[in-house]
C-alpha atoms as a PDB file:
ATOM      1  CA  UNK A   1      55.313 -68.524 -30.525  1.00  0.00           C
ATOM      2  CA  UNK A   2      52.222 -66.780 -31.944  1.00  0.00           C
ATOM      3  CA  UNK A   3      52.485 -64.717 -35.199  1.00  0.00           C
ATOM      4  CA  UNK A   4      53.325 -61.472 -33.814  1.00  0.00           C
ATOM      5  CA  UNK A   5      55.439 -58.045 -34.060  1.00  0.00           C
ATOM      6  CA  UNK A   6      58.243 -57.379 -31.647  1.00  0.00           C
ATOM      7  CA  UNK A   7      58.217 -54.074 -29.669  1.00  0.00           C
ATOM      8  CA  UNK A   8      60.834 -51.775 -31.389  1.00  0.00           C
ATOM      9  CA  UNK A   9      63.854 -52.406 -29.458  1.00  0.00           C
ATOM     10  CA  UNK A  10      65.241 -48.840 -30.093  1.00  0.00           C
ATOM     11  CA  UNK A  11      62.327 -47.137 -28.410  1.00  0.00           C
ATOM     12  CA  UNK A  12      63.177 -46.274 -24.674  1.00  0.00           C
ATOM     13  CA  UNK A  13      61.168 -44.547 -22.206  1.00  0.00           C
ATOM     14  CA  UNK A  14      64.057 -41.899 -21.536  1.00  0.00           C
ATOM     15  CA  UNK A  15      64.788 -39.290 -24.032  1.00  0.00           C
ATOM     16  CA  UNK A  16      68.464 -39.337 -23.078  1.00  0.00           C
ATOM     17  CA  UNK A  17      69.565 -42.439 -21.061  1.00  0.00           C
ATOM     18  CA  UNK A  18      70.568 -41.709 -17.774  1.00  0.00           C
ATOM     19  CA  UNK A  19      68.830 -38.437 -17.310  1.00  0.00           C
ATOM     20  CA  UNK A  20      65.396 -37.940 -15.790  1.00  0.00           C
ATOM     21  CA  UNK A  21      63.474 -36.907 -18.692  1.00  0.00           C
ATOM     22  CA  UNK A  22      61.110 -39.231 -20.160  1.00  0.00           C
ATOM     23  CA  UNK A  23      59.048 -39.211 -23.446  1.00  0.00           C
ATOM     24  CA  UNK A  24      55.842 -39.586 -21.375  1.00  0.00           C
ATOM     25  CA  UNK A  25      56.334 -36.266 -19.804  1.00  0.00           C
ATOM     26  CA  UNK A  26      57.146 -34.703 -23.050  1.00  0.00           C
ATOM     27  CA  UNK A  27      54.067 -36.183 -24.548  1.00  0.00           C
ATOM     28  CA  UNK A  28      51.994 -34.283 -21.992  1.00  0.00           C
ATOM     29  CA  UNK A  29      53.599 -31.108 -22.952  1.00  0.00           C
ATOM     30  CA  UNK A  30      52.585 -31.877 -26.705  1.00  0.00           C
ATOM     31  CA  UNK A  31      49.077 -32.804 -25.613  1.00  0.00           C
ATOM     32  CA  UNK A  32      48.631 -29.510 -23.820  1.00  0.00           C
ATOM     33  CA  UNK A  33      50.083 -27.580 -26.631  1.00  0.00           C
ATOM     34  CA  UNK A  34      47.796 -29.123 -29.338  1.00  0.00           C
ATOM     35  CA  UNK A  35      44.718 -28.556 -27.150  1.00  0.00           C
ATOM     36  CA  UNK A  36      45.769 -25.008 -26.398  1.00  0.00           C
ATOM     37  CA  UNK A  37      46.122 -24.214 -30.207  1.00  0.00           C
ATOM     38  CA  UNK A  38      42.776 -25.918 -31.095  1.00  0.00           C
ATOM     39  CA  UNK A  39      41.037 -23.892 -28.310  1.00  0.00           C
ATOM     40  CA  UNK A  40      42.677 -20.561 -29.475  1.00  0.00           C
ATOM     41  CA  UNK A  41      41.510 -21.398 -32.969  1.00  0.00           C
ATOM     42  CA  UNK A  42      37.973 -21.507 -31.858  1.00  0.00           C
ATOM     43  CA  UNK A  43      38.215 -18.311 -29.878  1.00  0.00           C
ATOM     44  CA  UNK A  44      39.363 -16.612 -32.955  1.00  0.00           C
ATOM     45  CA  UNK A  45      37.117 -18.528 -35.306  1.00  0.00           C
ATOM     46  CA  UNK A  46      34.047 -17.271 -33.422  1.00  0.00           C
ATOM     47  CA  UNK A  47      35.565 -14.003 -32.217  1.00  0.00           C
ATOM     48  CA  UNK A  48      34.707 -15.345 -28.667  1.00  0.00           C
ATOM     49  CA  UNK A  49      35.066 -12.285 -26.002  1.00  0.00           C
ATOM     50  CA  UNK A  50      38.120 -13.882 -24.478  1.00  0.00           C
ATOM     51  CA  UNK A  51      41.341 -12.063 -24.188  1.00  0.00           C
ATOM     52  CA  UNK A  52      44.666 -14.007 -24.508  1.00  0.00           C
ATOM     53  CA  UNK A  53      45.638 -13.644 -20.783  1.00  0.00           C
ATOM     54  CA  UNK A  54      42.131 -15.269 -19.853  1.00  0.00           C
ATOM     55  CA  UNK A  55      42.779 -17.987 -22.239  1.00  0.00           C
ATOM     56  CA  UNK A  56      46.111 -18.689 -20.478  1.00  0.00           C
ATOM     57  CA  UNK A  57      44.380 -18.457 -17.238  1.00  0.00           C
ATOM     58  CA  UNK A  58      41.695 -20.888 -18.299  1.00  0.00           C
ATOM     59  CA  UNK A  59      44.161 -23.382 -19.361  1.00  0.00           C
ATOM     60  CA  UNK A  60      46.142 -23.029 -16.319  1.00  0.00           C
ATOM     61  CA  UNK A  61      42.911 -23.993 -14.309  1.00  0.00           C
ATOM     62  CA  UNK A  62      42.079 -26.783 -16.749  1.00  0.00           C
ATOM     63  CA  UNK A  63      45.550 -28.213 -16.517  1.00  0.00           C
ATOM     64  CA  UNK A  64      45.649 -28.385 -12.853  1.00  0.00           C
ATOM     65  CA  UNK A  65      41.921 -29.677 -12.489  1.00  0.00           C
ATOM     66  CA  UNK A  66      42.985 -32.483 -15.005  1.00  0.00           C
ATOM     67  CA  UNK A  67      46.239 -33.415 -13.202  1.00  0.00           C
ATOM     68  CA  UNK A  68      44.615 -33.343  -9.851  1.00  0.00           C
ATOM     69  CA  UNK A  69      41.525 -35.444 -10.969  1.00  0.00           C
ATOM     70  CA  UNK A  70      43.797 -37.855 -12.970  1.00  0.00           C
ATOM     71  CA  UNK A  71      46.038 -38.406  -9.992  1.00  0.00           C
ATOM     72  CA  UNK A  72      43.499 -38.639  -7.263  1.00  0.00           C
ATOM     73  CA  UNK A  73      41.401 -41.084  -9.392  1.00  0.00           C
ATOM     74  CA  UNK A  74      44.348 -43.280  -9.944  1.00  0.00           C
ATOM     75  CA  UNK A  75      45.601 -43.222  -6.299  1.00  0.00           C
ATOM     76  CA  UNK A  76      42.233 -43.876  -4.931  1.00  0.00           C
ATOM     77  CA  UNK A  77      40.886 -46.517  -7.600  1.00  0.00           C
ATOM     78  CA  UNK A  78      43.772 -48.253  -8.946  1.00  0.00           C
ATOM     79  CA  UNK A  79      46.564 -48.166  -6.374  1.00  0.00           C
ATOM     80  CA  UNK A  80      44.586 -50.206  -3.603  1.00  0.00           C
ATOM     81  CA  UNK A  81      45.556 -49.076  -0.009  1.00  0.00           C
ATOM     82  CA  UNK A  82      49.083 -48.111  -0.499  1.00  0.00           C
ATOM     83  CA  UNK A  83      48.112 -44.117  -0.599  1.00  0.00           C
ATOM     84  CA  UNK A  84      45.279 -44.627   1.863  1.00  0.00           C
ATOM     85  CA  UNK A  85      48.264 -45.599   4.550  1.00  0.00           C
ATOM     86  CA  UNK A  86      50.518 -42.762   3.306  1.00  0.00           C
ATOM     87  CA  UNK A  87      48.492 -40.174   1.333  1.00  0.00           C
ATOM     88  CA  UNK A  88      51.211 -37.763   1.413  1.00  0.00           C
ATOM     89  CA  UNK A  89      52.997 -39.839  -1.434  1.00  0.00           C
ATOM     90  CA  UNK A  90      50.131 -39.100  -3.994  1.00  0.00           C
ATOM     91  CA  UNK A  91      51.971 -36.081  -5.279  1.00  0.00           C
ATOM     92  CA  UNK A  92      55.456 -36.917  -4.016  1.00  0.00           C
ATOM     93  CA  UNK A  93      57.535 -37.393  -7.414  1.00  0.00           C
ATOM     94  CA  UNK A  94      60.470 -39.539  -5.700  1.00  0.00           C
ATOM     95  CA  UNK A  95      60.618 -43.187  -4.985  1.00  0.00           C
ATOM     96  CA  UNK A  96      63.657 -44.818  -3.419  1.00  0.00           C
ATOM     97  CA  UNK A  97      65.524 -41.431  -3.420  1.00  0.00           C
ATOM     98  CA  UNK A  98      65.168 -41.183  -7.157  1.00  0.00           C
ATOM     99  CA  UNK A  99      63.010 -38.812  -9.349  1.00  0.00           C
ATOM    100  CA  UNK A 100      60.145 -40.899 -10.622  1.00  0.00           C
ATOM    101  CA  UNK A 101      57.618 -38.478 -11.645  1.00  0.00           C
ATOM    102  CA  UNK A 102      53.798 -38.857 -10.673  1.00  0.00           C
ATOM    103  CA  UNK A 103      53.266 -42.335 -12.262  1.00  0.00           C
ATOM    104  CA  UNK A 104      49.576 -43.242 -12.585  1.00  0.00           C
ATOM    105  CA  UNK A 105      47.109 -41.120 -14.018  1.00  0.00           C
ATOM    106  CA  UNK A 106      43.427 -42.112 -14.666  1.00  0.00           C
ATOM    107  CA  UNK A 107      41.922 -40.365 -17.654  1.00  0.00           C
ATOM    108  CA  UNK A 108      38.392 -40.716 -16.246  1.00  0.00           C
ATOM    109  CA  UNK A 109      39.488 -38.672 -13.283  1.00  0.00           C
ATOM    110  CA  UNK A 110      41.330 -36.198 -15.422  1.00  0.00           C
ATOM    111  CA  UNK A 111      38.126 -35.703 -17.526  1.00  0.00           C
ATOM    112  CA  UNK A 112      35.895 -35.106 -14.460  1.00  0.00           C
ATOM    113  CA  UNK A 113      38.689 -32.946 -12.706  1.00  0.00           C
ATOM    114  CA  UNK A 114      39.102 -30.597 -15.944  1.00  0.00           C
ATOM    115  CA  UNK A 115      35.268 -30.165 -16.234  1.00  0.00           C
ATOM    116  CA  UNK A 116      35.188 -29.017 -12.576  1.00  0.00           C
ATOM    117  CA  UNK A 117      37.955 -26.661 -13.043  1.00  0.00           C
ATOM    118  CA  UNK A 118      36.337 -25.096 -16.249  1.00  0.00           C
ATOM    119  CA  UNK A 119      32.990 -24.677 -14.159  1.00  0.00           C
ATOM    120  CA  UNK A 120      34.748 -23.014 -11.231  1.00  0.00           C
ATOM    121  CA  UNK A 121      36.721 -20.812 -13.769  1.00  0.00           C
ATOM    122  CA  UNK A 122      33.562 -19.711 -15.563  1.00  0.00           C
ATOM    123  CA  UNK A 123      31.948 -18.918 -12.369  1.00  0.00           C
ATOM    124  CA  UNK A 124      34.667 -16.628 -11.041  1.00  0.00           C
ATOM    125  CA  UNK A 125      35.457 -14.857 -14.526  1.00  0.00           C
ATOM    126  CA  UNK A 126      31.842 -14.567 -15.414  1.00  0.00           C
ATOM    127  CA  UNK A 127      31.809 -16.807 -18.440  1.00  0.00           C
ATOM    128  CA  UNK A 128      29.173 -19.295 -19.748  1.00  0.00           C
ATOM    129  CA  UNK A 129      30.595 -22.620 -18.620  1.00  0.00           C
ATOM    130  CA  UNK A 130      28.683 -24.321 -21.364  1.00  0.00           C
ATOM    131  CA  UNK A 131      30.228 -22.349 -24.004  1.00  0.00           C
ATOM    132  CA  UNK A 132      33.901 -22.447 -22.717  1.00  0.00           C
ATOM    133  CA  UNK A 133      33.428 -26.298 -22.001  1.00  0.00           C
ATOM    134  CA  UNK A 134      32.309 -27.003 -25.423  1.00  0.00           C
ATOM    135  CA  UNK A 135      35.351 -25.382 -26.841  1.00  0.00           C
ATOM    136  CA  UNK A 136      37.479 -27.526 -24.448  1.00  0.00           C
ATOM    137  CA  UNK A 137      35.658 -30.723 -25.514  1.00  0.00           C
ATOM    138  CA  UNK A 138      36.560 -29.890 -29.203  1.00  0.00           C
ATOM    139  CA  UNK A 139      40.201 -29.616 -28.400  1.00  0.00           C
ATOM    140  CA  UNK A 140      41.173 -32.101 -25.714  1.00  0.00           C
ATOM    141  CA  UNK A 141      40.751 -35.399 -27.614  1.00  0.00           C
ATOM    142  CA  UNK A 142      43.504 -34.671 -30.287  1.00  0.00           C
ATOM    143  CA  UNK A 143      45.761 -33.893 -27.422  1.00  0.00           C
ATOM    144  CA  UNK A 144      44.826 -37.039 -25.941  1.00  0.00           C
ATOM    145  CA  UNK A 145      46.616 -39.011 -28.778  1.00  0.00           C
ATOM    146  CA  UNK A 146      50.016 -37.999 -27.329  1.00  0.00           C
ATOM    147  CA  UNK A 147      49.256 -39.443 -23.913  1.00  0.00           C
ATOM    148  CA  UNK A 148      48.534 -42.906 -25.430  1.00  0.00           C
ATOM    149  CA  UNK A 149      51.572 -42.817 -27.584  1.00  0.00           C
ATOM    150  CA  UNK A 150      53.578 -42.057 -24.245  1.00  0.00           C
ATOM    151  CA  UNK A 151      52.081 -45.114 -22.725  1.00  0.00           C
ATOM    152  CA  UNK A 152      53.065 -47.072 -25.927  1.00  0.00           C
ATOM    153  CA  UNK A 153      56.743 -45.803 -25.711  1.00  0.00           C
ATOM    154  CA  UNK A 154      56.822 -46.840 -22.070  1.00  0.00           C
ATOM    155  CA  UNK A 155      55.638 -50.260 -22.978  1.00  0.00           C
ATOM    156  CA  UNK A 156      52.564 -50.004 -20.376  1.00  0.00           C
ATOM    157  CA  UNK A 157      48.839 -50.284 -20.570  1.00  0.00           C
ATOM    158  CA  UNK A 158      49.204 -53.036 -23.106  1.00  0.00           C
ATOM    159  CA  UNK A 159      46.475 -55.345 -24.200  1.00  0.00           C
ATOM    160  CA  UNK A 160      45.196 -58.906 -23.632  1.00  0.00           C
ATOM    161  CA  UNK A 161      47.121 -61.981 -24.950  1.00  0.00           C
ATOM    162  CA  UNK A 162      46.026 -62.552 -28.749  1.00  0.00           C
ATOM    163  CA  UNK A 163      46.849 -64.511 -31.847  1.00  0.00           C
ATOM    164  CA  UNK A 164      45.917 -61.565 -34.235  1.00  0.00           C
ATOM    165  CA  UNK A 165      48.655 -60.733 -36.504  1.00  0.00           C
ATOM    166  CA  UNK A 166      48.638 -57.163 -34.742  1.00  0.00           C
ATOM    167  CA  UNK A 167      49.783 -58.675 -31.516  1.00  0.00           C
ATOM    168  CA  UNK A 168      52.729 -57.388 -30.203  1.00  0.00           C
ATOM    169  CA  UNK A 169      55.479 -58.668 -27.941  1.00  0.00           C
ATOM    170  CA  UNK A 170      56.063 -56.014 -24.937  1.00  0.00           C
ATOM    171  CA  UNK A 171      59.285 -56.444 -23.200  1.00  0.00           C
ATOM    172  CA  UNK A 172      57.929 -55.797 -19.691  1.00  0.00           C
ATOM    173  CA  UNK A 173      54.524 -57.588 -20.122  1.00  0.00           C
ATOM    174  CA  UNK A 174      53.319 -60.225 -17.614  1.00  0.00           C
ATOM    175  CA  UNK A 175      54.360 -63.633 -18.238  1.00  0.00           C
ATOM    176  CA  UNK A 176      51.800 -66.346 -19.048  1.00  0.00           C
ATOM    177  CA  UNK A 177      53.133 -69.886 -18.020  1.00  0.00           C
ATOM    178  CA  UNK A 178      56.450 -68.352 -17.957  1.00  0.00           C
ATOM    179  CA  UNK A 179      56.137 -67.110 -21.567  1.00  0.00           C
ATOM    180  CA  UNK A 180      56.076 -63.488 -22.818  1.00  0.00           C
ATOM    181  CA  UNK A 181      53.054 -63.884 -25.290  1.00  0.00           C
ATOM    182  CA  UNK A 182      51.914 -61.389 -28.167  1.00  0.00           C
ATOM    183  CA  UNK A 183      49.540 -58.790 -26.987  1.00  0.00           C
ATOM    184  CA  UNK A 184      47.082 -56.398 -28.437  1.00  0.00           C
ATOM    185  CA  UNK A 185      48.702 -52.726 -28.640  1.00  0.00           C
ATOM    186  CA  UNK A 186      45.600 -51.253 -27.098  1.00  0.00           C
ATOM    187  CA  UNK A 187      47.457 -48.106 -26.549  1.00  0.00           C
ATOM    188  CA  UNK A 188      47.364 -47.541 -30.114  1.00  0.00           C
ATOM    189  CA  UNK A 189      43.657 -48.499 -30.405  1.00  0.00           C
ATOM    190  CA  UNK A 190      43.010 -45.720 -28.005  1.00  0.00           C
ATOM    191  CA  UNK A 191      45.045 -43.249 -29.680  1.00  0.00           C
ATOM    192  CA  UNK A 192      43.181 -43.891 -32.702  1.00  0.00           C
ATOM    193  CA  UNK A 193      39.637 -44.354 -31.715  1.00  0.00           C
ATOM    194  CA  UNK A 194      39.516 -42.220 -28.452  1.00  0.00           C
ATOM    195  CA  UNK A 195      41.803 -39.393 -29.866  1.00  0.00           C
ATOM    196  CA  UNK A 196      41.788 -39.089 -33.499  1.00  0.00           C
ATOM    197  CA  UNK A 197      38.270 -40.362 -34.228  1.00  0.00           C
ATOM    198  CA  UNK A 198      36.524 -38.786 -31.379  1.00  0.00           C
ATOM    199  CA  UNK A 199      38.164 -35.486 -31.915  1.00  0.00           C
ATOM    200  CA  UNK A 200      37.064 -35.565 -35.587  1.00  0.00           C
ATOM    201  CA  UNK A 201      33.536 -36.149 -34.739  1.00  0.00           C
ATOM    202  CA  UNK A 202      33.281 -33.514 -31.987  1.00  0.00           C
ATOM    203  CA  UNK A 203      35.348 -30.951 -34.310  1.00  0.00           C
ATOM    204  CA  UNK A 204      32.593 -31.590 -37.001  1.00  0.00           C
ATOM    205  CA  UNK A 205      29.782 -30.650 -34.597  1.00  0.00           C
ATOM    206  CA  UNK A 206      31.592 -27.666 -33.121  1.00  0.00           C
ATOM    207  CA  UNK A 207      29.590 -25.207 -35.587  1.00  0.00           C
ATOM    208  CA  UNK A 208      26.819 -27.457 -35.831  1.00  0.00           C
ATOM    209  CA  UNK A 209      25.770 -28.158 -32.142  1.00  0.00           C
ATOM    210  CA  UNK A 210      22.080 -27.818 -31.258  1.00  0.00           C
ATOM    211  CA  UNK A 211      22.587 -26.061 -28.050  1.00  0.00           C
ATOM    212  CA  UNK A 212      25.152 -24.702 -25.590  1.00  0.00           C
ATOM    213  CA  UNK A 213      26.927 -27.630 -23.613  1.00  0.00           C
ATOM    214  CA  UNK A 214      26.191 -30.425 -26.081  1.00  0.00           C
ATOM    215  CA  UNK A 215      29.776 -30.903 -27.077  1.00  0.00           C
ATOM    216  CA  UNK A 216      30.648 -31.533 -23.415  1.00  0.00           C
ATOM    217  CA  UNK A 217      27.836 -34.254 -23.147  1.00  0.00           C
ATOM    218  CA  UNK A 218      29.114 -35.619 -26.620  1.00  0.00           C
ATOM    219  CA  UNK A 219      32.773 -35.897 -25.259  1.00  0.00           C
ATOM    220  CA  UNK A 220      31.669 -37.665 -22.141  1.00  0.00           C
ATOM    221  CA  UNK A 221      29.140 -39.920 -24.066  1.00  0.00           C
ATOM    222  CA  UNK A 222      31.656 -40.854 -26.973  1.00  0.00           C
ATOM    223  CA  UNK A 223      34.805 -41.472 -24.669  1.00  0.00           C
ATOM    224  CA  UNK A 224      32.853 -43.706 -22.447  1.00  0.00           C
ATOM    225  CA  UNK A 225      31.375 -45.622 -25.415  1.00  0.00           C
ATOM    226  CA  UNK A 226      34.527 -46.089 -27.338  1.00  0.00           C
ATOM    227  CA  UNK A 227      36.727 -46.669 -24.275  1.00  0.00           C
ATOM    228  CA  UNK A 228      34.189 -49.375 -23.037  1.00  0.00           C
ATOM    229  CA  UNK A 229      34.711 -51.492 -26.066  1.00  0.00           C
ATOM    230  CA  UNK A 230      38.511 -50.978 -26.259  1.00  0.00           C
ATOM    231  CA  UNK A 231      38.704 -52.227 -22.447  1.00  0.00           C
ATOM    232  CA  UNK A 232      37.957 -55.591 -24.134  1.00  0.00           C
ATOM    233  CA  UNK A 233      41.200 -55.633 -25.709  1.00  0.00           C
ATOM    234  CA  UNK A 234      43.281 -54.153 -22.802  1.00  0.00           C
ATOM    235  CA  UNK A 235      44.658 -56.075 -19.955  1.00  0.00           C
ATOM    236  CA  UNK A 236      42.750 -55.654 -16.810  1.00  0.00           C
ATOM    237  CA  UNK A 237      44.752 -54.045 -13.714  1.00  0.00           C
ATOM    238  CA  UNK A 238      46.401 -56.940 -11.939  1.00  0.00           C
ATOM    239  CA  UNK A 239      45.097 -55.982  -8.530  1.00  0.00           C
ATOM    240  CA  UNK A 240      41.587 -55.214  -9.689  1.00  0.00           C
ATOM    241  CA  UNK A 241      40.588 -57.639 -12.397  1.00  0.00           C
ATOM    242  CA  UNK A 242      36.912 -57.799 -12.936  1.00  0.00           C
ATOM    243  CA  UNK A 243      35.436 -56.340 -10.040  1.00  0.00           C
ATOM    244  CA  UNK A 244      31.609 -56.353 -11.139  1.00  0.00           C
ATOM    245  CA  UNK A 245      29.748 -58.728 -13.377  1.00  0.00           C
ATOM    246  CA  UNK A 246      32.660 -59.544 -15.436  1.00  0.00           C
ATOM    247  CA  UNK A 247      33.535 -55.746 -16.325  1.00  0.00           C
ATOM    248  CA  UNK A 248      36.779 -54.292 -15.612  1.00  0.00           C
ATOM    249  CA  UNK A 249      37.281 -51.016 -13.616  1.00  0.00           C
ATOM    250  CA  UNK A 250      37.636 -48.971 -16.490  1.00  0.00           C
ATOM    251  CA  UNK A 251      34.330 -50.114 -18.051  1.00  0.00           C
ATOM    252  CA  UNK A 252      32.589 -49.469 -14.742  1.00  0.00           C
ATOM    253  CA  UNK A 253      34.115 -45.865 -14.908  1.00  0.00           C
ATOM    254  CA  UNK A 254      33.009 -45.698 -18.800  1.00  0.00           C
ATOM    255  CA  UNK A 255      29.398 -46.577 -17.695  1.00  0.00           C
ATOM    256  CA  UNK A 256      29.437 -43.530 -15.187  1.00  0.00           C
ATOM    257  CA  UNK A 257      30.767 -41.403 -18.106  1.00  0.00           C
ATOM    258  CA  UNK A 258      28.091 -42.553 -20.535  1.00  0.00           C
ATOM    259  CA  UNK A 259      25.543 -42.039 -17.879  1.00  0.00           C
ATOM    260  CA  UNK A 260      26.822 -38.629 -17.058  1.00  0.00           C
ATOM    261  CA  UNK A 261      26.940 -37.688 -20.732  1.00  0.00           C
ATOM    262  CA  UNK A 262      23.299 -38.487 -21.365  1.00  0.00           C
ATOM    263  CA  UNK A 263      22.122 -36.815 -18.232  1.00  0.00           C
ATOM    264  CA  UNK A 264      24.282 -33.698 -19.147  1.00  0.00           C
ATOM    265  CA  UNK A 265      22.923 -33.511 -22.733  1.00  0.00           C
ATOM    266  CA  UNK A 266      19.255 -33.911 -21.464  1.00  0.00           C
ATOM    267  CA  UNK A 267      19.581 -31.007 -18.872  1.00  0.00           C
ATOM    268  CA  UNK A 268      21.411 -28.673 -21.227  1.00  0.00           C
ATOM    269  CA  UNK A 269      18.725 -29.319 -23.798  1.00  0.00           C
ATOM    270  CA  UNK A 270      16.395 -27.857 -21.650  1.00  0.00           C
ATOM    271  CA  UNK A 271      18.157 -24.977 -19.701  1.00  0.00           C
ATOM    272  CA  UNK A 272      17.338 -21.289 -20.625  1.00  0.00           C
ATOM    273  CA  UNK A 273      19.510 -19.494 -23.029  1.00  0.00           C
ATOM    274  CA  UNK A 274      20.394 -22.721 -24.647  1.00  0.00           C
ATOM    275  CA  UNK A 275      20.708 -21.484 -28.096  1.00  0.00           C
ATOM    276  CA  UNK A 276      24.368 -21.852 -29.571  1.00  0.00           C
ATOM    277  CA  UNK A 277      26.313 -18.801 -30.434  1.00  0.00           C
ATOM    278  CA  UNK A 278      28.007 -19.199 -33.596  1.00  0.00           C
ATOM    279  CA  UNK A 279      29.674 -15.879 -34.086  1.00  0.00           C
ATOM    280  CA  UNK A 280      30.332 -12.862 -32.043  1.00  0.00           C
ATOM    281  CA  UNK A 281      30.790  -9.409 -33.471  1.00  0.00           C
ATOM    282  CA  UNK A 282      33.892  -7.143 -32.546  1.00  0.00           C
ATOM    283  CA  UNK A 283      32.212  -5.797 -29.305  1.00  0.00           C
ATOM    284  CA  UNK A 284      31.672  -9.341 -27.998  1.00  0.00           C
ATOM    285  CA  UNK A 285      27.951  -9.355 -28.774  1.00  0.00           C
ATOM    286  CA  UNK A 286      26.546 -12.386 -30.475  1.00  0.00           C
ATOM    287  CA  UNK A 287      25.362 -12.225 -34.069  1.00  0.00           C
ATOM    288  CA  UNK A 288      22.169 -13.921 -34.852  1.00  0.00           C
ATOM    289  CA  UNK A 289      23.332 -16.749 -37.351  1.00  0.00           C
ATOM    290  CA  UNK A 290      21.245 -16.724 -40.719  1.00  0.00           C
ATOM    291  CA  UNK A 291      18.254 -19.192 -40.392  1.00  0.00           C
ATOM    292  CA  UNK A 292      18.377 -22.371 -42.248  1.00  0.00           C
ATOM    293  CA  UNK A 293      15.666 -23.457 -44.794  1.00  0.00           C
ATOM    294  CA  UNK A 294      14.348 -25.841 -42.051  1.00  0.00           C
ATOM    295  CA  UNK A 295      14.126 -23.189 -39.468  1.00  0.00           C
ATOM    296  CA  UNK A 296      12.262 -20.851 -41.883  1.00  0.00           C
ATOM    297  CA  UNK A 297       9.761 -23.654 -42.806  1.00  0.00           C
ATOM    298  CA  UNK A 298       9.273 -24.436 -39.158  1.00  0.00           C
ATOM    299  CA  UNK A 299       8.483 -20.667 -38.489  1.00  0.00           C
ATOM    300  CA  UNK A 300       5.947 -20.439 -41.473  1.00  0.00           C
ATOM    301  CA  UNK A 301       4.272 -23.452 -40.018  1.00  0.00           C
ATOM    302  CA  UNK A 302       4.004 -22.064 -36.607  1.00  0.00           C
ATOM    303  CA  UNK A 303       2.397 -18.903 -37.965  1.00  0.00           C
ATOM    304  CA  UNK A 304      -0.142 -21.048 -39.984  1.00  0.00           C
ATOM    305  CA  UNK A 305      -1.212 -22.648 -36.753  1.00  0.00           C
ATOM    306  CA  UNK A 306      -1.574 -19.267 -35.035  1.00  0.00           C
ATOM    307  CA  UNK A 307      -3.695 -17.898 -37.818  1.00  0.00           C
ATOM    308  CA  UNK A 308      -5.948 -21.217 -37.643  1.00  0.00           C
ATOM    309  CA  UNK A 309      -6.434 -20.630 -34.040  1.00  0.00           C
ATOM    310  CA  UNK A 310      -7.305 -17.204 -34.431  1.00  0.00           C
ATOM    311  CA  UNK A 311      -9.987 -17.893 -36.966  1.00  0.00           C
END
């Protein structure tokens, strides 16, 4: 047996054995609450003109979009033809007469579904979708940590076989030549890098972004980049393997996220009314932030050039 860590025997998927309440579902609640509190903090911090009712409404739209996107992506991309033959089962939470919940969620699908929900909410409620989307991007990653912690508790989405001292023997892992070998705890890698570290980077830029919509693009670009490399440690889906040029399905979706993030940042940097609003006054009107030394120097240079042309 390779040097490894045994999966803690006291960790069980059910909160109370025998009852249909699982830690994974509770982790989703923690994730949504964390994202909500971070979003509300930004609204108050910037004095953004959004009422508490509008904030709750926005999160209702966002959660529904996230869940729909995550479930549909999982059913269409990862579940083979099962749901193509029986599409009504996609949102049916029972299996073999027992409550099983909605097992199988795609984070890539949830990201795109959540973004679409934010855009639609902004359109109907007359908000700037780049602004409310940026605040979402600065809130979601930290909540993501709870989702991956739930995957770890379930003993699912484990990594590839490894001889690293970090390897862990998961009780329900696929056997290799009849033996349960140590694997990377890739759920924890994702929790740290795609959750905590990505959130810290975006949170740092929340008041330093160069234009509206920048944080949305940074989120898609950053998540796609980090997840792409962690996929090298994660066990590919057994029914999908490496469908294109030796890359996993997750890596292909990461390529799409990275490309989307680059295009989004490029487009938003050229849209009109792109200047970021750092602070609103009590009436909901943006306050002009104090100019930095670099901005003042740039204006002086522009004035000099204009004077030279006039001469």
